[in-house]
Amino acid sequence: MLTIGLDAHQRLYVICILDQNGVRVKEAKIRGYWPKLLEELGKLREPFQICFEASCGYGHLYDQLRAVSERVVVAHPGLLRLIFRSKRKNDRVDAAKLAKLLFLDEVPPVYVPSMDVRGWRQLIEFRHRTVSKRTRVKNSIRTLLRSHGVEMPPRHRLWTNKGVTWMSELDLPTSHSTLQRDLLVDELESCNRRLTRIERELATIADGHPAVTLLRTIPGVGIRTAEAVTAYLDDPRRFSHNRAVGSYVGLVPSQDQSAGVNRLGRITRQGPATVRKLLVEAAWQGVRRSPRLKQRFEAYQRQDPKRKKIALVATAHHLVRCMHAMMLTGEAWREAA
């Protein structure tokens, strides 16, 4: 079977082909979109396996290559940099390195979810960006009103329908401020409409996943956290052990160990940032609502007020490992310690 390393770009593909003995037999540049690549690969008379780095749109390319190859491996770009540290880097060299790693079966792979799960993840991230955009708009409105000394209602009333109507009818001293206020209010209402549509679609998707309902039995875990964890963990059996889940979401401390010295630093922050943020928020709510999580939090804190943030992150790490175990076993949350 042939082994192919692929350096993929939007309109350029560079391939390096090795034979059964690992000897380079062909190098080629293919210009055009992915149908042109599939056309060239279809001309090969022998079965082949192929490897390329994960980048934007890697899921679609993975689906297309699976139809024509015996095996497709998507390499983790961050770990590849640890394997090959070279001063000389170009498309041809990268394709050759990928081919050699695949031939030796030493490619650090990434998990490629199904098309539906990829779309679910994209919608979750799109909602997160829309919420962040709405928050920026709200902050801009508050800044504008404060700059003119306007006495505002309490925060929980300012963004209701009555509050938005009050803002729209407010007399401001200059036409420039009035125009800015009108545009900001329009943008706020646009964000609210978008969020309504997004969350309606997310609710429909979540209803078809029993794991979302299962994870919501944890005190402090809402639908947004449950759906994000379900979408990104996807198949819980793909993790070799429970501790790997914390590494996947970046909630484990960085480590520098040598001989008898073991230094632990800040968390790695690898993996999906949205899931990590939601887990920390859920952990804080869980500490308030669950005696079991509160006991865990206090054990991490060690009666030291300076360790409050450390304890909260450690509780979030414990929480995601519990979620993984629940998805594996199908058991609901048990409050007993």
Protein backbone atom coordinates (compact mmCIF):
# COMPACT_ATOMS: atom_id res chain seq x y z
CA MET A 1 0.00 0.00 0.00
CA LEU A 2 1.24 3.48 -0.85
CA THR A 3 1.75 6.16 1.80
CA ILE A 4 0.95 9.78 0.95
CA GLY A 5 1.80 12.96 2.82
CA LEU A 6 -0.43 15.88 1.88
CA ASP A 7 0.25 19.56 2.52
CA ALA A 8 -3.16 21.12 1.92
CA HIS A 9 -4.06 24.72 1.12
CA GLN A 10 -7.20 26.25 -0.34
CA ARG A 11 -6.05 26.13 -3.97
CA LEU A 12 -2.79 24.22 -3.77
CA TYR A 13 -2.06 20.64 -2.71
CA VAL A 14 1.44 19.20 -2.45
CA ILE A 15 1.76 15.41 -2.17
CA CYS A 16 4.67 13.10 -1.44
CA ILE A 17 4.16 9.40 -2.22
CA LEU A 18 6.16 6.56 -0.61
CA ASP A 19 6.08 2.94 -1.72
CA GLN A 20 5.74 -0.14 0.50
CA ASN A 21 9.41 0.18 1.57
CA GLY A 22 9.22 3.86 2.47
CA VAL A 23 11.06 4.99 -0.65
CA ARG A 24 9.92 8.23 -2.22
CA VAL A 25 8.47 7.49 -5.64
CA LYS A 26 6.67 10.70 -6.57
CA GLU A 27 6.18 14.34 -5.63
CA ALA A 28 3.58 16.59 -7.21
CA LYS A 29 1.84 19.95 -6.92
CA ILE A 30 -1.87 20.05 -7.67
CA ARG A 31 -3.41 23.46 -8.30
CA GLY A 32 -7.12 23.94 -7.86
CA TYR A 33 -9.79 23.00 -5.35
CA TRP A 34 -10.31 19.60 -3.70
CA PRO A 35 -12.09 17.95 -6.70
CA LYS A 36 -8.83 18.33 -8.63
CA LEU A 37 -6.98 16.58 -5.81
CA LEU A 38 -9.44 13.68 -5.81
CA GLU A 39 -9.09 13.41 -9.57
CA GLU A 40 -5.31 13.06 -9.32
CA LEU A 41 -5.50 10.57 -6.46
CA GLY A 42 -8.02 8.51 -8.42
CA LYS A 43 -5.34 7.88 -11.06
CA LEU A 44 -3.25 5.80 -8.61
CA ARG A 45 -3.46 2.09 -9.36
CA GLU A 46 -2.59 0.91 -5.85
CA PRO A 47 -4.48 1.45 -2.58
CA PHE A 48 -3.05 4.16 -0.40
CA GLN A 49 -3.18 5.79 3.01
CA ILE A 50 -2.92 9.55 3.37
CA CYS A 51 -2.11 12.08 6.09
CA PHE A 52 -2.57 15.85 6.33
CA GLU A 53 -2.53 18.50 9.04
CA ALA A 54 -5.68 19.76 10.72
CA SER A 55 -6.61 23.26 9.58
CA CYS A 56 -9.70 25.22 8.57
CA GLY A 57 -12.09 22.90 6.74
CA TYR A 58 -10.20 19.73 7.62
CA GLY A 59 -13.44 17.87 8.35
CA HIS A 60 -14.78 18.28 4.82
CA LEU A 61 -11.47 17.22 3.27
CA TYR A 62 -11.36 14.20 5.60
CA ASP A 63 -14.82 13.10 4.44
CA GLN A 64 -13.84 13.42 0.78
CA LEU A 65 -10.56 11.52 1.16
CA ARG A 66 -12.21 8.66 3.03
CA ALA A 67 -14.16 7.84 -0.12
CA VAL A 68 -11.01 7.18 -2.19
CA SER A 69 -8.37 5.96 0.30
CA GLU A 70 -7.91 2.99 2.60
CA ARG A 71 -6.98 5.14 5.59
CA VAL A 72 -7.01 8.86 6.38
CA VAL A 73 -5.11 10.33 9.34
CA VAL A 74 -5.43 13.98 10.38
CA ALA A 75 -2.31 15.15 12.21
CA HIS A 76 -2.30 17.46 15.22
CA PRO A 77 -0.39 20.57 14.04
CA GLY A 78 0.72 21.58 17.53
CA LEU A 79 2.30 18.21 18.25
CA LEU A 80 3.91 18.03 14.82
CA ARG A 81 5.97 21.09 15.66
CA LEU A 82 7.37 19.20 18.63
CA ILE A 83 8.44 16.31 16.41
CA PHE A 84 9.99 18.26 13.55
CA ARG A 85 11.92 21.38 14.47
CA SER A 86 13.58 22.44 11.28
CA LYS A 87 14.99 25.71 9.98
CA ARG A 88 13.91 24.73 6.49
CA LYS A 89 10.17 24.65 5.94
CA ASN A 90 8.20 24.62 2.71
CA ASP A 91 5.23 22.75 1.27
CA ARG A 92 7.32 20.00 -0.31
CA VAL A 93 9.29 19.37 2.89
CA ASP A 94 6.11 19.33 4.99
CA ALA A 95 4.46 16.78 2.70
CA ALA A 96 7.54 14.55 2.91
CA LYS A 97 7.58 14.76 6.72
CA LEU A 98 3.93 13.80 6.93
CA ALA A 99 4.50 10.84 4.60
CA LYS A 100 7.43 9.59 6.71
CA LEU A 101 5.47 9.91 9.94
CA LEU A 102 2.52 8.05 8.49
CA PHE A 103 4.78 5.30 7.13
CA LEU A 104 6.30 4.88 10.61
CA ASP A 105 2.82 5.10 12.19
CA GLU A 106 4.01 7.96 14.40
CA VAL A 107 1.45 10.62 13.45
CA PRO A 108 -0.11 12.42 16.45
CA PRO A 109 -3.76 12.19 15.30
CA VAL A 110 -6.75 14.37 16.03
CA TYR A 111 -10.28 13.10 16.46
CA VAL A 112 -12.54 13.93 13.53
CA PRO A 113 -16.24 14.00 14.52
CA SER A 114 -19.11 13.42 12.14
CA MET A 115 -20.51 16.20 9.97
CA ASP A 116 -23.52 16.67 12.27
CA VAL A 117 -21.33 17.04 15.35
CA ARG A 118 -19.04 19.47 13.55
CA GLY A 119 -22.06 21.58 12.62
CA TRP A 120 -23.29 21.40 16.22
CA ARG A 121 -19.94 22.64 17.49
CA GLN A 122 -19.89 25.49 14.97
CA LEU A 123 -23.35 26.60 16.07
CA ILE A 124 -22.26 26.57 19.73
CA GLU A 125 -19.24 28.71 18.89
CA PHE A 126 -21.40 31.03 16.78
CA ARG A 127 -23.74 31.56 19.72
CA HIS A 128 -20.77 32.29 21.98
CA ARG A 129 -19.48 34.94 19.56
CA THR A 130 -22.96 36.46 19.26
CA VAL A 131 -23.29 36.70 23.05
CA SER A 132 -19.87 38.38 23.24
CA LYS A 133 -20.92 40.83 20.54
CA ARG A 134 -24.14 41.64 22.40
CA THR A 135 -22.16 42.25 25.58
CA ARG A 136 -19.92 44.73 23.75
CA VAL A 137 -23.01 46.53 22.43
CA LYS A 138 -24.51 46.75 25.93
CA ASN A 139 -21.26 48.14 27.31
CA SER A 140 -21.17 50.74 24.51
CA ILE A 141 -24.74 51.83 25.31
CA ARG A 142 -23.95 52.20 29.02
CA THR A 143 -20.81 54.18 28.19
CA LEU A 144 -22.80 56.50 25.91
CA LEU A 145 -25.49 57.15 28.51
CA ARG A 146 -23.00 57.71 31.31
CA SER A 147 -21.03 60.17 29.16
CA HIS A 148 -24.13 62.38 29.10
CA GLY A 149 -24.95 61.92 32.78
CA VAL A 150 -28.14 59.96 32.10
CA GLU A 151 -29.57 58.23 35.18
CA MET A 152 -30.12 54.62 34.13
CA PRO A 153 -32.52 52.07 35.62
CA PRO A 154 -31.07 48.97 37.33
CA ARG A 155 -29.16 46.63 35.06
CA HIS A 156 -31.77 43.87 35.11
CA ARG A 157 -34.42 46.35 33.88
CA LEU A 158 -32.33 48.22 31.32
CA TRP A 159 -32.35 45.37 28.78
CA THR A 160 -36.04 44.48 29.02
CA ASN A 161 -38.50 45.59 26.34
CA LYS A 162 -39.50 48.57 28.47
CA GLY A 163 -35.86 49.48 29.02
CA VAL A 164 -35.02 49.34 25.33
CA THR A 165 -38.10 51.44 24.54
CA TRP A 166 -36.99 53.98 27.15
CA MET A 167 -33.54 54.17 25.58
CA SER A 168 -34.99 54.59 22.08
CA GLU A 169 -37.17 57.52 23.19
CA LEU A 170 -34.50 59.21 25.30
CA ASP A 171 -33.58 62.79 24.31
CA LEU A 172 -29.81 63.19 23.96
CA PRO A 173 -28.09 66.58 23.69
CA THR A 174 -26.45 66.07 20.26
CA SER A 175 -27.48 64.51 16.97
CA HIS A 176 -24.25 62.50 16.92
CA SER A 177 -25.14 60.81 20.19
CA THR A 178 -28.69 60.19 19.00
CA LEU A 179 -27.43 58.49 15.84
CA GLN A 180 -24.99 56.36 17.82
CA ARG A 181 -27.75 55.39 20.28
CA ASP A 182 -30.12 54.41 17.46
CA LEU A 183 -27.50 52.24 15.73
CA LEU A 184 -26.51 50.55 18.99
CA VAL A 185 -30.14 49.79 19.86
CA ASP A 186 -30.70 48.35 16.38
CA GLU A 187 -27.61 46.18 16.78
CA LEU A 188 -28.78 45.03 20.21
CA GLU A 189 -32.17 44.00 18.86
CA SER A 190 -30.48 42.24 15.94
CA CYS A 191 -28.28 40.24 18.34
CA ASN A 192 -31.33 39.29 20.40
CA ARG A 193 -33.14 38.03 17.31
CA ARG A 194 -30.11 36.02 16.24
CA LEU A 195 -29.74 34.47 19.68
CA THR A 196 -33.39 33.49 19.70
CA ARG A 197 -33.00 31.61 16.41
CA ILE A 198 -29.70 30.03 17.45
CA GLU A 199 -30.96 28.85 20.83
CA ARG A 200 -34.13 27.46 19.27
CA GLU A 201 -32.02 25.36 16.91
CA LEU A 202 -29.67 24.31 19.72
CA ALA A 203 -32.66 23.23 21.84
CA THR A 204 -33.87 21.06 18.96
CA ILE A 205 -30.46 19.39 18.66
CA ALA A 206 -30.14 18.91 22.43
CA ASP A 207 -33.53 17.17 22.60
CA GLY A 208 -32.08 14.41 20.41
CA HIS A 209 -29.11 13.76 22.72
CA PRO A 210 -29.86 11.92 25.98
CA ALA A 211 -26.41 12.89 27.29
CA VAL A 212 -27.48 16.53 27.50
CA THR A 213 -30.41 15.62 29.74
CA LEU A 214 -28.14 13.34 31.78
CA LEU A 215 -25.52 16.03 32.42
CA ARG A 216 -28.17 18.53 33.46
CA THR A 217 -28.85 16.43 36.54
CA ILE A 218 -25.63 17.92 37.97
CA PRO A 219 -26.42 20.92 40.20
CA GLY A 220 -25.31 24.13 38.48
CA VAL A 221 -25.03 22.62 34.99
CA GLY A 222 -27.43 24.24 32.53
CA ILE A 223 -28.31 23.39 28.96
CA ARG A 224 -25.50 25.51 27.47
CA THR A 225 -22.78 23.72 29.45
CA ALA A 226 -24.33 20.29 28.95
CA GLU A 227 -24.62 20.67 25.18
CA ALA A 228 -21.08 22.05 24.81
CA VAL A 229 -19.54 19.18 26.80
CA THR A 230 -21.61 16.61 24.91
CA ALA A 231 -20.69 18.06 21.52
CA TYR A 232 -16.95 18.27 22.20
CA LEU A 233 -16.50 15.00 24.06
CA ASP A 234 -18.78 13.34 21.47
CA ASP A 235 -17.73 9.70 21.90
CA PRO A 236 -16.52 9.30 25.53
CA ARG A 237 -14.86 5.98 24.68
CA ARG A 238 -12.25 7.70 22.55
CA PHE A 239 -10.37 8.82 25.67
CA SER A 240 -7.89 6.24 26.95
CA HIS A 241 -8.65 7.09 30.59
CA ASN A 242 -10.67 9.55 32.62
CA ARG A 243 -7.71 11.83 33.33
CA ALA A 244 -7.26 12.50 29.60
CA VAL A 245 -10.51 14.48 29.55
CA GLY A 246 -8.99 17.21 31.72
CA SER A 247 -6.02 17.46 29.38
CA TYR A 248 -8.36 17.67 26.39
CA VAL A 249 -10.17 20.75 27.72
CA GLY A 250 -6.96 22.33 29.07
CA LEU A 251 -7.81 22.26 32.79
CA VAL A 252 -4.65 20.47 33.92
CA PRO A 253 -1.60 22.43 35.15
CA SER A 254 1.48 22.78 32.98
CA GLN A 255 4.36 20.70 34.29
CA ASP A 256 8.15 21.00 34.29
CA GLN A 257 9.60 17.88 35.94
CA SER A 258 13.23 16.85 36.07
CA ALA A 259 14.91 14.49 38.56
CA GLY A 260 13.51 15.36 41.98
CA VAL A 261 12.06 18.71 40.98
CA ASN A 262 8.45 18.92 39.84
CA ARG A 263 7.09 22.38 39.02
CA LEU A 264 3.39 22.89 38.31
CA GLY A 265 2.31 26.10 36.63
CA ARG A 266 -0.84 27.58 35.18
CA ILE A 267 -3.35 25.42 33.35
CA THR A 268 -2.42 24.54 29.76
CA ARG A 269 -5.56 26.13 28.23
CA GLN A 270 -5.45 23.70 25.35
CA GLY A 271 -8.59 22.50 23.65
CA PRO A 272 -11.94 24.28 23.27
CA ALA A 273 -11.93 27.58 25.18
CA THR A 274 -15.73 27.84 25.14
CA VAL A 275 -16.13 24.53 26.97
CA ARG A 276 -13.47 25.50 29.49
CA LYS A 277 -15.21 28.79 30.25
CA LEU A 278 -18.61 27.15 30.65
CA LEU A 279 -17.17 24.47 32.94
CA VAL A 280 -15.67 27.07 35.28
CA GLU A 281 -18.99 28.92 35.42
CA ALA A 282 -20.84 25.65 36.07
CA ALA A 283 -18.36 24.74 38.80
CA TRP A 284 -19.02 28.04 40.57
CA GLN A 285 -22.77 27.47 40.41
CA GLY A 286 -22.31 23.86 41.51
CA VAL A 287 -20.35 24.88 44.59
CA ARG A 288 -23.34 26.99 45.66
CA ARG A 289 -25.93 24.29 44.99
CA SER A 290 -24.23 20.96 45.66
CA PRO A 291 -22.82 19.93 49.07
CA ARG A 292 -20.64 17.37 47.31
CA LEU A 293 -19.03 19.95 45.01
CA LYS A 294 -18.73 22.43 47.87
CA GLN A 295 -16.87 19.83 49.91
CA ARG A 296 -14.54 19.18 46.98
CA PHE A 297 -13.98 22.93 46.50
CA GLU A 298 -13.11 23.44 50.18
CA ALA A 299 -10.69 20.53 50.07
CA TYR A 300 -8.89 22.13 47.12
CA GLN A 301 -8.89 25.54 48.79
CA ARG A 302 -7.24 24.24 52.01
CA GLN A 303 -8.75 27.10 54.05
CA ASP A 304 -6.57 29.55 52.14
CA PRO A 305 -8.44 32.53 50.58
CA LYS A 306 -5.60 32.99 48.07
CA ARG A 307 -6.34 29.54 46.61
CA LYS A 308 -9.94 30.37 45.70
CA LYS A 309 -9.33 30.57 41.94
CA ILE A 310 -7.13 27.49 42.00
CA ALA A 311 -9.83 25.57 43.85
CA LEU A 312 -12.49 26.70 41.38
CA VAL A 313 -10.49 25.53 38.36
CA ALA A 314 -9.70 22.24 40.11
CA THR A 315 -13.42 21.79 40.81
CA ALA A 316 -14.15 22.39 37.12
CA HIS A 317 -11.58 19.71 36.28
CA HIS A 318 -13.28 17.31 38.67
CA LEU A 319 -16.66 18.22 37.18
CA VAL A 320 -15.70 17.41 33.58
CA ARG A 321 -14.26 14.05 34.68
CA CYS A 322 -17.56 13.30 36.41
CA MET A 323 -19.38 14.24 33.21
CA HIS A 324 -17.20 11.87 31.21
CA ALA A 325 -17.92 9.04 33.65
CA MET A 326 -21.65 9.75 33.50
CA MET A 327 -21.62 9.66 29.69
CA LEU A 328 -19.83 6.31 29.81
CA THR A 329 -22.10 4.65 32.35
CA GLY A 330 -25.37 6.47 31.68
CA GLU A 331 -25.85 7.10 35.41
CA ALA A 332 -27.33 10.35 36.73
CA TRP A 333 -25.59 12.57 39.27
CA ARG A 334 -25.37 11.11 42.76
CA GLU A 335 -25.18 13.74 45.46
CA ALA A 336 -23.88 11.40 48.18
CA ALA A 337 -20.15 11.95 48.71
